[in-house]
Amino acid sequence: MRYDRLRSIAGRVQTVVGDLATQGERFQSPLSWRDPRATTLFVTFCLIAAIVLYVTPFQVVALLAGIYMLRHPKFRHKLPSVPLNFFRRLPARSDSML
């Protein structure tokens, strides 16, 4: 009985570690030029965000981020956000092994 419980816990831990590895590979993907279109979009977004954050005072950025995060649930969308959708579509090594 203890062995079965240990096997089930180890299986769950292995699944979580595999998911974390996949997310890490997706995070590394825009910087490794495995998907040139995604890398170009990511670098362009980072450049624009750097310019905006350099020009805008920190208090304004913090206020806008707070208002966005604390908005009423009625104004939230059912679909995932654009950055999250972009991140989920990036290839991982397990996707390219086939």
Protein backbone atom coordinates (compact mmCIF):
# COMPACT_ATOMS: atom_id res chain seq x y z
CA MET A 1 0.00 0.00 0.00
CA ARG A 2 2.85 2.40 0.86
CA TYR A 3 4.62 1.48 -2.35
CA ASP A 4 1.54 2.32 -4.44
CA ARG A 5 1.16 5.64 -2.67
CA LEU A 6 4.84 6.42 -3.23
CA ARG A 7 4.52 5.51 -6.92
CA SER A 8 1.51 7.78 -7.35
CA ILE A 9 3.28 10.70 -5.63
CA ALA A 10 6.41 10.13 -7.70
CA GLY A 11 4.29 10.08 -10.87
CA ARG A 12 2.72 13.41 -9.97
CA VAL A 13 6.10 14.93 -9.15
CA GLN A 14 7.49 13.69 -12.46
CA THR A 15 4.55 15.22 -14.33
CA VAL A 16 5.02 18.60 -12.60
CA VAL A 17 8.77 18.61 -13.26
CA GLY A 18 8.12 17.73 -16.92
CA ASP A 19 5.65 20.60 -17.22
CA LEU A 20 8.16 23.00 -15.67
CA ALA A 21 10.84 21.82 -18.10
CA THR A 22 8.48 22.38 -21.03
CA GLN A 23 7.71 25.92 -19.83
CA GLY A 24 11.45 26.60 -19.46
CA GLU A 25 12.07 25.41 -23.02
CA ARG A 26 9.27 27.65 -24.27
CA PHE A 27 10.77 30.57 -22.35
CA GLN A 28 14.15 29.92 -23.98
CA SER A 29 12.65 29.46 -27.45
CA PRO A 30 12.22 33.15 -28.42
CA LEU A 31 15.88 33.83 -27.70
CA SER A 32 17.31 30.83 -29.56
CA TRP A 33 15.87 31.65 -33.02
CA ARG A 34 14.11 28.27 -33.26
CA ASP A 35 11.05 30.19 -34.45
CA PRO A 36 12.30 33.31 -36.32
CA ARG A 37 8.88 34.98 -36.48
CA ALA A 38 8.31 34.58 -32.74
CA THR A 39 11.82 35.81 -31.95
CA THR A 40 11.34 38.90 -34.12
CA LEU A 41 8.03 39.69 -32.41
CA PHE A 42 9.55 39.13 -28.96
CA VAL A 43 12.60 41.34 -29.60
CA THR A 44 10.43 44.08 -31.13
CA PHE A 45 8.07 43.98 -28.13
CA CYS A 46 11.02 44.13 -25.71
CA LEU A 47 12.46 47.15 -27.54
CA ILE A 48 9.13 49.02 -27.50
CA ALA A 49 8.53 48.11 -23.84
CA ALA A 50 12.01 49.35 -22.91
CA ILE A 51 11.40 52.68 -24.63
CA VAL A 52 7.97 53.11 -23.01
CA LEU A 53 9.27 52.19 -19.56
CA TYR A 54 12.21 54.56 -19.96
CA VAL A 55 9.95 57.50 -20.87
CA THR A 56 7.07 56.80 -18.44
CA PRO A 57 7.50 57.47 -14.70
CA PHE A 58 7.39 54.36 -12.48
CA GLN A 59 4.36 55.62 -10.51
CA VAL A 60 2.28 55.80 -13.70
CA VAL A 61 3.34 52.28 -14.73
CA ALA A 62 2.53 50.92 -11.25
CA LEU A 63 -0.86 52.69 -11.24
CA LEU A 64 -1.83 51.36 -14.67
CA ALA A 65 -0.68 47.84 -13.78
CA GLY A 66 -2.67 47.98 -10.52
CA ILE A 67 -5.82 49.21 -12.26
CA TYR A 68 -5.47 46.48 -14.89
CA MET A 69 -4.90 43.69 -12.36
CA LEU A 70 -7.72 44.81 -10.06
CA ARG A 71 -10.38 45.33 -12.72
CA HIS A 72 -13.88 43.98 -12.18
CA PRO A 73 -14.46 40.37 -13.33
CA LYS A 74 -17.14 41.64 -15.69
CA PHE A 75 -14.40 43.30 -17.77
CA ARG A 76 -12.19 40.21 -17.96
CA HIS A 77 -12.12 38.02 -21.05
CA LYS A 78 -12.83 34.31 -21.15
CA LEU A 79 -10.04 33.73 -23.68
CA PRO A 80 -6.36 33.72 -22.64
CA SER A 81 -4.45 36.95 -23.07
CA VAL A 82 -2.35 37.61 -26.16
CA PRO A 83 1.04 37.19 -24.38
CA LEU A 84 -0.10 33.95 -22.75
CA ASN A 85 -1.41 32.63 -26.06
CA PHE A 86 1.90 33.59 -27.74
CA PHE A 87 3.87 31.80 -25.00
CA ARG A 88 1.75 28.64 -25.22
CA ARG A 89 2.27 28.39 -28.98
CA LEU A 90 6.06 28.44 -28.76
CA PRO A 91 7.69 25.10 -29.55
CA ALA A 92 9.22 22.93 -26.87
CA ARG A 93 11.72 20.15 -27.48
CA SER A 94 9.07 17.55 -26.87
CA ASP A 95 7.05 19.07 -29.73
CA SER A 96 9.96 18.84 -32.16
CA MET A 97 10.98 15.27 -31.24
CA LEU A 98 8.33 13.73 -33.47
